[in-house]
Amino acid sequence: MTDVILVLVTVPGAEKGAEIGTRLVQERLAACANVVPGLRSIYSWQGKLTVDSEALMILKTRDSLFESIRQRIVALHPYECPEILRLDVAAGHAPYLEWVRSSVGPSSAVPGSGD
């Protein structure tokens, strides 16, 4: 297991995802935010079947920052109950994992390049 995690967050559209993702990267809570448009979400909310167009944000960060990033997403997100799911990364390309580690947290680290 690594100390890198993915955080999945659905958002009402790609623009909102880009807005939230940009803030999280600027604040060094996420190394990268991918925004995948074109989701069709089908779910039950408050007793009603709901079908929405959404986008998916995939965030890369360290496990030690999960609570901070979760709180920040809640503060920035327009939904009453946003989807925020943590996925642990068992393994990955070592240079990419190191880039994630160096790109989040205190700004004393100098981030490399990657996505």
PDB file of N, CA and C in Angstrom:
ATOM      1  N   MET A   1       0.851  -1.190   0.000  1.00  0.00           N
ATOM      2  CA  MET A   1       0.000   0.000   0.000  1.00  0.00           C
ATOM      3  C   MET A   1       0.892   1.248   0.000  1.00  0.00           C
ATOM      4  N   THR A   2       0.430   2.290  -0.694  1.00  0.00           N
ATOM      5  CA  THR A   2       1.166   3.551  -0.722  1.00  0.00           C
ATOM      6  C   THR A   2       0.444   4.575   0.154  1.00  0.00           C
ATOM      7  N   ASP A   3       1.038   5.733   0.303  1.00  0.00           N
ATOM      8  CA  ASP A   3       0.381   6.825   1.035  1.00  0.00           C
ATOM      9  C   ASP A   3      -0.371   7.754   0.091  1.00  0.00           C
ATOM     10  N   VAL A   4      -0.460   7.381  -1.183  1.00  0.00           N
ATOM     11  CA  VAL A   4      -1.196   8.159  -2.176  1.00  0.00           C
ATOM     12  C   VAL A   4      -2.619   7.612  -2.262  1.00  0.00           C
ATOM     13  N   ILE A   5      -3.584   8.524  -2.382  1.00  0.00           N
ATOM     14  CA  ILE A   5      -4.983   8.130  -2.514  1.00  0.00           C
ATOM     15  C   ILE A   5      -5.624   8.866  -3.686  1.00  0.00           C
ATOM     16  N   LEU A   6      -6.727   8.319  -4.143  1.00  0.00           N
ATOM     17  CA  LEU A   6      -7.591   9.002  -5.099  1.00  0.00           C
ATOM     18  C   LEU A   6      -8.840   9.408  -4.345  1.00  0.00           C
ATOM     19  N   VAL A   7      -9.378  10.551  -4.679  1.00  0.00           N
ATOM     20  CA  VAL A   7     -10.641  11.002  -4.107  1.00  0.00           C
ATOM     21  C   VAL A   7     -11.585  11.253  -5.281  1.00  0.00           C
ATOM     22  N   LEU A   8     -12.718  10.548  -5.288  1.00  0.00           N
ATOM     23  CA  LEU A   8     -13.722  10.694  -6.334  1.00  0.00           C
ATOM     24  C   LEU A   8     -14.814  11.625  -5.846  1.00  0.00           C
ATOM     25  N   VAL A   9     -15.186  12.583  -6.690  1.00  0.00           N
ATOM     26  CA  VAL A   9     -16.213  13.564  -6.339  1.00  0.00           C
ATOM     27  C   VAL A   9     -17.053  13.838  -7.580  1.00  0.00           C
ATOM     28  N   THR A  10     -18.370  13.630  -7.484  1.00  0.00           N
ATOM     29  CA  THR A  10     -19.225  14.048  -8.590  1.00  0.00           C
ATOM     30  C   THR A  10     -19.585  15.513  -8.383  1.00  0.00           C
ATOM     31  N   VAL A  11     -19.695  16.223  -9.509  1.00  0.00           N
ATOM     32  CA  VAL A  11     -20.013  17.651  -9.506  1.00  0.00           C
ATOM     33  C   VAL A  11     -21.087  17.905 -10.566  1.00  0.00           C
ATOM     34  N   PRO A  12     -21.806  19.034 -10.461  1.00  0.00           N
ATOM     35  CA  PRO A  12     -22.909  19.273 -11.389  1.00  0.00           C
ATOM     36  C   PRO A  12     -22.485  19.510 -12.839  1.00  0.00           C
ATOM     37  N   GLY A  13     -21.214  19.710 -13.108  1.00  0.00           N
ATOM     38  CA  GLY A  13     -20.740  19.901 -14.470  1.00  0.00           C
ATOM     39  C   GLY A  13     -19.237  20.117 -14.486  1.00  0.00           C
ATOM     40  N   ALA A  14     -18.673  20.092 -15.694  1.00  0.00           N
ATOM     41  CA  ALA A  14     -17.229  20.221 -15.844  1.00  0.00           C
ATOM     42  C   ALA A  14     -16.705  21.567 -15.349  1.00  0.00           C
ATOM     43  N   GLU A  15     -17.461  22.638 -15.553  1.00  0.00           N
ATOM     44  CA  GLU A  15     -17.009  23.961 -15.101  1.00  0.00           C
ATOM     45  C   GLU A  15     -16.874  24.017 -13.583  1.00  0.00           C
ATOM     46  N   LYS A  16     -17.870  23.492 -12.874  1.00  0.00           N
ATOM     47  CA  LYS A  16     -17.807  23.476 -11.408  1.00  0.00           C
ATOM     48  C   LYS A  16     -16.662  22.580 -10.951  1.00  0.00           C
ATOM     49  N   GLY A  17     -16.465  21.456 -11.629  1.00  0.00           N
ATOM     50  CA  GLY A  17     -15.344  20.574 -11.294  1.00  0.00           C
ATOM     51  C   GLY A  17     -14.009  21.263 -11.481  1.00  0.00           C
ATOM     52  N   ALA A  18     -13.873  22.007 -12.587  1.00  0.00           N
ATOM     53  CA  ALA A  18     -12.631  22.740 -12.841  1.00  0.00           C
ATOM     54  C   ALA A  18     -12.409  23.814 -11.780  1.00  0.00           C
ATOM     55  N   GLU A  19     -13.484  24.481 -11.383  1.00  0.00           N
ATOM     56  CA  GLU A  19     -13.381  25.523 -10.360  1.00  0.00           C
ATOM     57  C   GLU A  19     -12.908  24.937  -9.023  1.00  0.00           C
ATOM     58  N   ILE A  20     -13.548  23.864  -8.590  1.00  0.00           N
ATOM     59  CA  ILE A  20     -13.177  23.228  -7.314  1.00  0.00           C
ATOM     60  C   ILE A  20     -11.782  22.617  -7.422  1.00  0.00           C
ATOM     61  N   GLY A  21     -11.518  21.910  -8.520  1.00  0.00           N
ATOM     62  CA  GLY A  21     -10.224  21.271  -8.701  1.00  0.00           C
ATOM     63  C   GLY A  21      -9.080  22.270  -8.709  1.00  0.00           C
ATOM     64  N   THR A  22      -9.277  23.398  -9.369  1.00  0.00           N
ATOM     65  CA  THR A  22      -8.249  24.439  -9.404  1.00  0.00           C
ATOM     66  C   THR A  22      -7.931  24.936  -8.001  1.00  0.00           C
ATOM     67  N   ARG A  23      -8.961  25.183  -7.224  1.00  0.00           N
ATOM     68  CA  ARG A  23      -8.744  25.661  -5.844  1.00  0.00           C
ATOM     69  C   ARG A  23      -7.961  24.632  -5.032  1.00  0.00           C
ATOM     70  N   LEU A  24      -8.327  23.351  -5.152  1.00  0.00           N
ATOM     71  CA  LEU A  24      -7.664  22.307  -4.371  1.00  0.00           C
ATOM     72  C   LEU A  24      -6.201  22.151  -4.762  1.00  0.00           C
ATOM     73  N   VAL A  25      -5.893  22.290  -6.053  1.00  0.00           N
ATOM     74  CA  VAL A  25      -4.496  22.216  -6.492  1.00  0.00           C
ATOM     75  C   VAL A  25      -3.736  23.468  -6.036  1.00  0.00           C
ATOM     76  N   GLN A  26      -4.345  24.640  -6.179  1.00  0.00           N
ATOM     77  CA  GLN A  26      -3.694  25.875  -5.730  1.00  0.00           C
ATOM     78  C   GLN A  26      -3.392  25.834  -4.230  1.00  0.00           C
ATOM     79  N   GLU A  27      -4.297  25.232  -3.466  1.00  0.00           N
ATOM     80  CA  GLU A  27      -4.128  25.144  -2.011  1.00  0.00           C
ATOM     81  C   GLU A  27      -3.252  23.959  -1.599  1.00  0.00           C
ATOM     82  N   ARG A  28      -2.715  23.234  -2.574  1.00  0.00           N
ATOM     83  CA  ARG A  28      -1.829  22.085  -2.352  1.00  0.00           C
ATOM     84  C   ARG A  28      -2.490  20.962  -1.576  1.00  0.00           C
ATOM     85  N   LEU A  29      -3.811  20.867  -1.687  1.00  0.00           N
ATOM     86  CA  LEU A  29      -4.525  19.724  -1.107  1.00  0.00           C
ATOM     87  C   LEU A  29      -4.591  18.572  -2.094  1.00  0.00           C
ATOM     88  N   ALA A  30      -4.485  18.875  -3.379  1.00  0.00           N
ATOM     89  CA  ALA A  30      -4.463  17.862  -4.432  1.00  0.00           C
ATOM     90  C   ALA A  30      -3.297  18.158  -5.368  1.00  0.00           C
ATOM     91  N   ALA A  31      -2.645  17.111  -5.830  1.00  0.00           N
ATOM     92  CA  ALA A  31      -1.578  17.273  -6.816  1.00  0.00           C
ATOM     93  C   ALA A  31      -2.165  17.479  -8.199  1.00  0.00           C
ATOM     94  N   CYS A  32      -3.312  16.868  -8.422  1.00  0.00           N
ATOM     95  CA  CYS A  32      -3.936  16.889  -9.736  1.00  0.00           C
ATOM     96  C   CYS A  32      -5.430  16.694  -9.576  1.00  0.00           C
ATOM     97  N   ALA A  33      -6.196  17.352 -10.422  1.00  0.00           N
ATOM     98  CA  ALA A  33      -7.647  17.160 -10.470  1.00  0.00           C
ATOM     99  C   ALA A  33      -8.026  16.879 -11.917  1.00  0.00           C
ATOM    100  N   ASN A  34      -8.474  15.679 -12.186  1.00  0.00           N
ATOM    101  CA  ASN A  34      -9.006  15.356 -13.510  1.00  0.00           C
ATOM    102  C   ASN A  34     -10.505  15.571 -13.458  1.00  0.00           C
ATOM    103  N   VAL A  35     -11.060  16.214 -14.467  1.00  0.00           N
ATOM    104  CA  VAL A  35     -12.507  16.429 -14.545  1.00  0.00           C
ATOM    105  C   VAL A  35     -12.994  15.682 -15.789  1.00  0.00           C
ATOM    106  N   VAL A  36     -13.834  14.696 -15.554  1.00  0.00           N
ATOM    107  CA  VAL A  36     -14.351  13.853 -16.628  1.00  0.00           C
ATOM    108  C   VAL A  36     -15.815  14.223 -16.852  1.00  0.00           C
ATOM    109  N   PRO A  37     -16.127  14.889 -17.966  1.00  0.00           N
ATOM    110  CA  PRO A  37     -17.514  15.294 -18.217  1.00  0.00           C
ATOM    111  C   PRO A  37     -18.343  14.130 -18.761  1.00  0.00           C
ATOM    112  N   GLY A  38     -19.638  14.347 -18.823  1.00  0.00           N
ATOM    113  CA  GLY A  38     -20.507  13.410 -19.514  1.00  0.00           C
ATOM    114  C   GLY A  38     -21.052  12.256 -18.700  1.00  0.00           C
ATOM    115  N   LEU A  39     -21.042  12.366 -17.389  1.00  0.00           N
ATOM    116  CA  LEU A  39     -21.631  11.308 -16.568  1.00  0.00           C
ATOM    117  C   LEU A  39     -23.148  11.405 -16.576  1.00  0.00           C
ATOM    118  N   ARG A  40     -23.781  10.291 -16.523  1.00  0.00           N
ATOM    119  CA  ARG A  40     -25.223  10.244 -16.314  1.00  0.00           C
ATOM    120  C   ARG A  40     -25.421   9.513 -14.999  1.00  0.00           C
ATOM    121  N   SER A  41     -25.862  10.225 -13.987  1.00  0.00           N
ATOM    122  CA  SER A  41     -26.030   9.655 -12.650  1.00  0.00           C
ATOM    123  C   SER A  41     -27.502   9.358 -12.397  1.00  0.00           C
ATOM    124  N   ILE A  42     -27.766   8.134 -11.970  1.00  0.00           N
ATOM    125  CA  ILE A  42     -29.120   7.677 -11.663  1.00  0.00           C
ATOM    126  C   ILE A  42     -29.105   7.233 -10.212  1.00  0.00           C
ATOM    127  N   TYR A  43     -29.908   7.893  -9.380  1.00  0.00           N
ATOM    128  CA  TYR A  43     -29.863   7.611  -7.948  1.00  0.00           C
ATOM    129  C   TYR A  43     -31.178   8.006  -7.293  1.00  0.00           C
ATOM    130  N   SER A  44     -31.353   7.511  -6.084  1.00  0.00           N
ATOM    131  CA  SER A  44     -32.519   7.877  -5.299  1.00  0.00           C
ATOM    132  C   SER A  44     -32.106   8.969  -4.315  1.00  0.00           C
ATOM    133  N   TRP A  45     -32.839  10.079  -4.314  1.00  0.00           N
ATOM    134  CA  TRP A  45     -32.537  11.178  -3.389  1.00  0.00           C
ATOM    135  C   TRP A  45     -33.840  11.680  -2.813  1.00  0.00           C
ATOM    136  N   GLN A  46     -33.916  11.667  -1.505  1.00  0.00           N
ATOM    137  CA  GLN A  46     -35.093  12.121  -0.766  1.00  0.00           C
ATOM    138  C   GLN A  46     -36.366  11.441  -1.275  1.00  0.00           C
ATOM    139  N   GLY A  47     -36.237  10.120  -1.490  1.00  0.00           N
ATOM    140  CA  GLY A  47     -37.375   9.298  -1.866  1.00  0.00           C
ATOM    141  C   GLY A  47     -37.779   9.365  -3.325  1.00  0.00           C
ATOM    142  N   LYS A  48     -37.017  10.071  -4.168  1.00  0.00           N
ATOM    143  CA  LYS A  48     -37.366  10.189  -5.579  1.00  0.00           C
ATOM    144  C   LYS A  48     -36.219   9.695  -6.456  1.00  0.00           C
ATOM    145  N   LEU A  49     -36.584   9.007  -7.529  1.00  0.00           N
ATOM    146  CA  LEU A  49     -35.586   8.601  -8.514  1.00  0.00           C
ATOM    147  C   LEU A  49     -35.125   9.851  -9.255  1.00  0.00           C
ATOM    148  N   THR A  50     -33.814  10.021  -9.337  1.00  0.00           N
ATOM    149  CA  THR A  50     -33.237  11.211  -9.948  1.00  0.00           C
ATOM    150  C   THR A  50     -32.262  10.789 -11.039  1.00  0.00           C
ATOM    151  N   VAL A  51     -32.297  11.493 -12.151  1.00  0.00           N
ATOM    152  CA  VAL A  51     -31.339  11.296 -13.241  1.00  0.00           C
ATOM    153  C   VAL A  51     -30.736  12.664 -13.539  1.00  0.00           C
ATOM    154  N   ASP A  52     -29.416  12.757 -13.402  1.00  0.00           N
ATOM    155  CA  ASP A  52     -28.719  14.029 -13.590  1.00  0.00           C
ATOM    156  C   ASP A  52     -27.532  13.862 -14.524  1.00  0.00           C
ATOM    157  N   SER A  53     -27.200  14.926 -15.215  1.00  0.00           N
ATOM    158  CA  SER A  53     -25.932  15.014 -15.934  1.00  0.00           C
ATOM    159  C   SER A  53     -24.922  15.595 -14.949  1.00  0.00           C
ATOM    160  N   GLU A  54     -23.785  14.943 -14.835  1.00  0.00           N
ATOM    161  CA  GLU A  54     -22.756  15.387 -13.901  1.00  0.00           C
ATOM    162  C   GLU A  54     -21.385  15.211 -14.550  1.00  0.00           C
ATOM    163  N   ALA A  55     -20.371  15.582 -13.825  1.00  0.00           N
ATOM    164  CA  ALA A  55     -18.981  15.311 -14.188  1.00  0.00           C
ATOM    165  C   ALA A  55     -18.344  14.632 -12.976  1.00  0.00           C
ATOM    166  N   LEU A  56     -17.250  13.950 -13.212  1.00  0.00           N
ATOM    167  CA  LEU A  56     -16.527  13.272 -12.144  1.00  0.00           C
ATOM    168  C   LEU A  56     -15.164  13.920 -11.981  1.00  0.00           C
ATOM    169  N   MET A  57     -14.834  14.290 -10.747  1.00  0.00           N
ATOM    170  CA  MET A  57     -13.502  14.779 -10.418  1.00  0.00           C
ATOM    171  C   MET A  57     -12.723  13.636  -9.796  1.00  0.00           C
ATOM    172  N   ILE A  58     -11.510  13.434 -10.287  1.00  0.00           N
ATOM    173  CA  ILE A  58     -10.601  12.439  -9.715  1.00  0.00           C
ATOM    174  C   ILE A  58      -9.413  13.222  -9.185  1.00  0.00           C
ATOM    175  N   LEU A  59      -9.247  13.203  -7.880  1.00  0.00           N
ATOM    176  CA  LEU A  59      -8.184  13.962  -7.221  1.00  0.00           C
ATOM    177  C   LEU A  59      -7.097  13.015  -6.743  1.00  0.00           C
ATOM    178  N   LYS A  60      -5.837  13.442  -6.857  1.00  0.00           N
ATOM    179  CA  LYS A  60      -4.714  12.673  -6.340  1.00  0.00           C
ATOM    180  C   LYS A  60      -4.087  13.447  -5.196  1.00  0.00           C
ATOM    181  N   THR A  61      -3.905  12.756  -4.068  1.00  0.00           N
ATOM    182  CA  THR A  61      -3.351  13.408  -2.887  1.00  0.00           C
ATOM    183  C   THR A  61      -2.733  12.356  -1.974  1.00  0.00           C
ATOM    184  N   ARG A  62      -2.297  12.784  -0.797  1.00  0.00           N
ATOM    185  CA  ARG A  62      -1.766  11.874   0.234  1.00  0.00           C
ATOM    186  C   ARG A  62      -2.876  11.501   1.211  1.00  0.00           C
ATOM    187  N   ASP A  63      -2.769  10.318   1.776  1.00  0.00           N
ATOM    188  CA  ASP A  63      -3.788   9.881   2.738  1.00  0.00           C
ATOM    189  C   ASP A  63      -3.872  10.807   3.948  1.00  0.00           C
ATOM    190  N   SER A  64      -2.763  11.399   4.345  1.00  0.00           N
ATOM    191  CA  SER A  64      -2.761  12.280   5.519  1.00  0.00           C
ATOM    192  C   SER A  64      -3.556  13.570   5.285  1.00  0.00           C
ATOM    193  N   LEU A  65      -3.862  13.875   4.029  1.00  0.00           N
ATOM    194  CA  LEU A  65      -4.608  15.093   3.709  1.00  0.00           C
ATOM    195  C   LEU A  65      -6.093  14.833   3.455  1.00  0.00           C
ATOM    196  N   PHE A  66      -6.531  13.577   3.602  1.00  0.00           N
ATOM    197  CA  PHE A  66      -7.920  13.269   3.259  1.00  0.00           C
ATOM    198  C   PHE A  66      -8.924  14.116   4.039  1.00  0.00           C
ATOM    199  N   GLU A  67      -8.773  14.223   5.319  1.00  0.00           N
ATOM    200  CA  GLU A  67      -9.762  14.976   6.096  1.00  0.00           C
ATOM    201  C   GLU A  67      -9.777  16.447   5.700  1.00  0.00           C
ATOM    202  N   SER A  68      -8.613  17.027   5.448  1.00  0.00           N
ATOM    203  CA  SER A  68      -8.542  18.427   5.018  1.00  0.00           C
ATOM    204  C   SER A  68      -9.187  18.628   3.656  1.00  0.00           C
ATOM    205  N   ILE A  69      -8.914  17.726   2.723  1.00  0.00           N
ATOM    206  CA  ILE A  69      -9.497  17.876   1.394  1.00  0.00           C
ATOM    207  C   ILE A  69     -11.006  17.623   1.446  1.00  0.00           C
ATOM    208  N   ARG A  70     -11.436  16.681   2.270  1.00  0.00           N
ATOM    209  CA  ARG A  70     -12.866  16.410   2.419  1.00  0.00           C
ATOM    210  C   ARG A  70     -13.586  17.652   2.931  1.00  0.00           C
ATOM    211  N   GLN A  71     -13.055  18.278   3.958  1.00  0.00           N
ATOM    212  CA  GLN A  71     -13.673  19.480   4.518  1.00  0.00           C
ATOM    213  C   GLN A  71     -13.712  20.614   3.493  1.00  0.00           C
ATOM    214  N   ARG A  72     -12.653  20.753   2.718  1.00  0.00           N
ATOM    215  CA  ARG A  72     -12.595  21.827   1.725  1.00  0.00           C
ATOM    216  C   ARG A  72     -13.590  21.586   0.597  1.00  0.00           C
ATOM    217  N   ILE A  73     -13.720  20.324   0.174  1.00  0.00           N
ATOM    218  CA  ILE A  73     -14.705  19.993  -0.864  1.00  0.00           C
ATOM    219  C   ILE A  73     -16.107  20.329  -0.375  1.00  0.00           C
ATOM    220  N   VAL A  74     -16.427  19.948   0.849  1.00  0.00           N
ATOM    221  CA  VAL A  74     -17.755  20.251   1.409  1.00  0.00           C
ATOM    222  C   VAL A  74     -18.000  21.760   1.394  1.00  0.00           C
ATOM    223  N   ALA A  75     -16.987  22.540   1.728  1.00  0.00           N
ATOM    224  CA  ALA A  75     -17.143  23.996   1.765  1.00  0.00           C
ATOM    225  C   ALA A  75     -17.337  24.595   0.367  1.00  0.00           C
ATOM    226  N   LEU A  76     -16.716  24.009  -0.655  1.00  0.00           N
ATOM    227  CA  LEU A  76     -16.763  24.554  -2.009  1.00  0.00           C
ATOM    228  C   LEU A  76     -17.890  23.977  -2.866  1.00  0.00           C
ATOM    229  N   HIS A  77     -18.412  22.839  -2.479  1.00  0.00           N
ATOM    230  CA  HIS A  77     -19.353  22.078  -3.317  1.00  0.00           C
ATOM    231  C   HIS A  77     -20.781  22.595  -3.176  1.00  0.00           C
ATOM    232  N   PRO A  78     -21.533  22.682  -4.274  1.00  0.00           N
ATOM    233  CA  PRO A  78     -22.908  23.188  -4.190  1.00  0.00           C
ATOM    234  C   PRO A  78     -23.930  22.169  -3.676  1.00  0.00           C
ATOM    235  N   TYR A  79     -23.581  20.870  -3.657  1.00  0.00           N
ATOM    236  CA  TYR A  79     -24.554  19.865  -3.239  1.00  0.00           C
ATOM    237  C   TYR A  79     -24.713  19.828  -1.719  1.00  0.00           C
ATOM    238  N   GLU A  80     -25.906  19.504  -1.274  1.00  0.00           N
ATOM    239  CA  GLU A  80     -26.187  19.316   0.152  1.00  0.00           C
ATOM    240  C   GLU A  80     -25.397  18.133   0.709  1.00  0.00           C
ATOM    241  N   CYS A  81     -25.266  17.083  -0.087  1.00  0.00           N
ATOM    242  CA  CYS A  81     -24.566  15.868   0.335  1.00  0.00           C
ATOM    243  C   CYS A  81     -23.654  15.394  -0.799  1.00  0.00           C
ATOM    244  N   PRO A  82     -22.475  16.025  -0.958  1.00  0.00           N
ATOM    245  CA  PRO A  82     -21.608  15.650  -2.077  1.00  0.00           C
ATOM    246  C   PRO A  82     -21.010  14.254  -1.907  1.00  0.00           C
ATOM    247  N   GLU A  83     -20.846  13.595  -3.033  1.00  0.00           N
ATOM    248  CA  GLU A  83     -20.132  12.312  -3.050  1.00  0.00           C
ATOM    249  C   GLU A  83     -18.652  12.605  -2.880  1.00  0.00           C
ATOM    250  N   ILE A  84     -18.050  12.041  -1.848  1.00  0.00           N
ATOM    251  CA  ILE A  84     -16.614  12.169  -1.621  1.00  0.00           C
ATOM    252  C   ILE A  84     -16.142  10.792  -1.196  1.00  0.00           C
ATOM    253  N   LEU A  85     -15.464  10.095  -2.093  1.00  0.00           N
ATOM    254  CA  LEU A  85     -15.014   8.739  -1.820  1.00  0.00           C
ATOM    255  C   LEU A  85     -13.504   8.652  -1.898  1.00  0.00           C
ATOM    256  N   ARG A  86     -12.915   8.027  -0.901  1.00  0.00           N
ATOM    257  CA  ARG A  86     -11.469   7.829  -0.849  1.00  0.00           C
ATOM    258  C   ARG A  86     -11.152   6.424  -1.353  1.00  0.00           C
ATOM    259  N   LEU A  87     -10.202   6.352  -2.280  1.00  0.00           N
ATOM    260  CA  LEU A  87      -9.717   5.060  -2.776  1.00  0.00           C
ATOM    261  C   LEU A  87      -8.225   4.980  -2.500  1.00  0.00           C
ATOM    262  N   ASP A  88      -7.803   3.964  -1.773  1.00  0.00           N
ATOM    263  CA  ASP A  88      -6.385   3.778  -1.501  1.00  0.00           C
ATOM    264  C   ASP A  88      -5.689   3.234  -2.739  1.00  0.00           C
ATOM    265  N   VAL A  89      -4.479   3.692  -2.981  1.00  0.00           N
ATOM    266  CA  VAL A  89      -3.677   3.250  -4.118  1.00  0.00           C
ATOM    267  C   VAL A  89      -2.701   2.190  -3.611  1.00  0.00           C
ATOM    268  N   ALA A  90      -2.882   0.969  -4.078  1.00  0.00           N
ATOM    269  CA  ALA A  90      -2.032  -0.136  -3.629  1.00  0.00           C
ATOM    270  C   ALA A  90      -0.620  -0.026  -4.194  1.00  0.00           C
ATOM    271  N   ALA A  91      -0.512   0.402  -5.439  1.00  0.00           N
ATOM    272  CA  ALA A  91       0.795   0.508  -6.094  1.00  0.00           C
ATOM    273  C   ALA A  91       0.648   1.446  -7.276  1.00  0.00           C
ATOM    274  N   GLY A  92       1.778   1.885  -7.815  1.00  0.00           N
ATOM    275  CA  GLY A  92       1.765   2.760  -8.974  1.00  0.00           C
ATOM    276  C   GLY A  92       3.174   2.997  -9.470  1.00  0.00           C
ATOM    277  N   HIS A  93       3.294   3.775 -10.518  1.00  0.00           N
ATOM    278  CA  HIS A  93       4.590   4.144 -11.089  1.00  0.00           C
ATOM    279  C   HIS A  93       5.312   5.022 -10.070  1.00  0.00           C
ATOM    280  N   ALA A  94       6.438   4.552  -9.568  1.00  0.00           N
ATOM    281  CA  ALA A  94       7.140   5.216  -8.464  1.00  0.00           C
ATOM    282  C   ALA A  94       7.412   6.705  -8.712  1.00  0.00           C
ATOM    283  N   PRO A  95       7.893   7.111  -9.888  1.00  0.00           N
ATOM    284  CA  PRO A  95       8.124   8.544 -10.097  1.00  0.00           C
ATOM    285  C   PRO A  95       6.833   9.364 -10.020  1.00  0.00           C
ATOM    286  N   TYR A  96       5.729   8.816 -10.509  1.00  0.00           N
ATOM    287  CA  TYR A  96       4.458   9.537 -10.443  1.00  0.00           C
ATOM    288  C   TYR A  96       3.992   9.660  -8.992  1.00  0.00           C
ATOM    289  N   LEU A  97       4.096   8.594  -8.226  1.00  0.00           N
ATOM    290  CA  LEU A  97       3.702   8.648  -6.820  1.00  0.00           C
ATOM    291  C   LEU A  97       4.537   9.678  -6.064  1.00  0.00           C
ATOM    292  N   GLU A  98       5.821   9.746  -6.371  1.00  0.00           N
ATOM    293  CA  GLU A  98       6.693  10.740  -5.719  1.00  0.00           C
ATOM    294  C   GLU A  98       6.285  12.154  -6.122  1.00  0.00           C
ATOM    295  N   TRP A  99       5.917  12.350  -7.384  1.00  0.00           N
ATOM    296  CA  TRP A  99       5.438  13.661  -7.821  1.00  0.00           C
ATOM    297  C   TRP A  99       4.194  14.068  -7.043  1.00  0.00           C
ATOM    298  N   VAL A 100       3.250  13.140  -6.860  1.00  0.00           N
ATOM    299  CA  VAL A 100       2.049  13.443  -6.065  1.00  0.00           C
ATOM    300  C   VAL A 100       2.463  13.872  -4.669  1.00  0.00           C
ATOM    301  N   ARG A 101       3.318  13.099  -4.037  1.00  0.00           N
ATOM    302  CA  ARG A 101       3.765  13.414  -2.670  1.00  0.00           C
ATOM    303  C   ARG A 101       4.398  14.805  -2.585  1.00  0.00           C
ATOM    304  N   SER A 102       5.220  15.144  -3.566  1.00  0.00           N
ATOM    305  CA  SER A 102       5.937  16.430  -3.514  1.00  0.00           C
ATOM    306  C   SER A 102       5.051  17.612  -3.902  1.00  0.00           C
ATOM    307  N   SER A 103       3.881  17.334  -4.472  1.00  0.00           N
ATOM    308  CA  SER A 103       3.011  18.406  -4.968  1.00  0.00           C
ATOM    309  C   SER A 103       1.930  18.827  -3.984  1.00  0.00           C
ATOM    310  N   VAL A 104       1.831  18.141  -2.870  1.00  0.00           N
ATOM    311  CA  VAL A 104       0.790  18.467  -1.882  1.00  0.00           C
ATOM    312  C   VAL A 104       1.430  18.751  -0.534  1.00  0.00           C
ATOM    313  N   GLY A 105       0.670  19.401   0.319  1.00  0.00           N
ATOM    314  CA  GLY A 105       1.165  19.711   1.650  1.00  0.00           C
ATOM    315  C   GLY A 105       1.906  21.045   1.667  1.00  0.00           C
ATOM    316  N   PRO A 106       2.789  21.227   2.625  1.00  0.00           N
ATOM    317  CA  PRO A 106       3.507  22.491   2.749  1.00  0.00           C
ATOM    318  C   PRO A 106       4.251  22.830   1.461  1.00  0.00           C
ATOM    319  N   SER A 107       4.287  24.105   1.128  1.00  0.00           N
ATOM    320  CA  SER A 107       4.862  24.526  -0.156  1.00  0.00           C
ATOM    321  C   SER A 107       6.376  24.520  -0.194  1.00  0.00           C
ATOM    322  N   SER A 108       7.046  23.990   0.822  1.00  0.00           N
ATOM    323  CA  SER A 108       8.499  23.928   0.795  1.00  0.00           C
ATOM    324  C   SER A 108       8.982  22.919  -0.232  1.00  0.00           C
ATOM    325  N   ALA A 109       8.137  21.932  -0.560  1.00  0.00           N
ATOM    326  CA  ALA A 109       8.517  20.960  -1.585  1.00  0.00           C
ATOM    327  C   ALA A 109       8.370  21.585  -2.964  1.00  0.00           C
ATOM    328  N   VAL A 110       9.266  21.258  -3.874  1.00  0.00           N
ATOM    329  CA  VAL A 110       9.189  21.764  -5.240  1.00  0.00           C
ATOM    330  C   VAL A 110       8.591  20.670  -6.110  1.00  0.00           C
ATOM    331  N   PRO A 111       7.363  20.896  -6.615  1.00  0.00           N
ATOM    332  CA  PRO A 111       6.725  19.851  -7.414  1.00  0.00           C
ATOM    333  C   PRO A 111       7.417  19.658  -8.750  1.00  0.00           C
ATOM    334  N   GLY A 112       7.371  18.415  -9.223  1.00  0.00           N
ATOM    335  CA  GLY A 112       7.876  18.094 -10.549  1.00  0.00           C
ATOM    336  C   GLY A 112       6.777  18.311 -11.566  1.00  0.00           C
ATOM    337  N   SER A 113       6.792  17.529 -12.608  1.00  0.00           N
ATOM    338  CA  SER A 113       5.723  17.637 -13.591  1.00  0.00           C
ATOM    339  C   SER A 113       4.994  16.308 -13.655  1.00  0.00           C
ATOM    340  N   GLY A 114       3.778  16.349 -14.103  1.00  0.00           N
ATOM    341  CA  GLY A 114       2.952  15.164 -14.215  1.00  0.00           C
ATOM    342  C   GLY A 114       1.516  15.586 -14.274  1.00  0.00           C
ATOM    343  N   ASP A 115       0.603  14.578 -14.223  1.00  0.00           N
ATOM    344  CA  ASP A 115      -0.807  14.989 -14.206  1.00  0.00           C
ATOM    345  C   ASP A 115      -1.601  14.247 -13.215  1.00  0.00           C
TER     346      ASP A 115
END
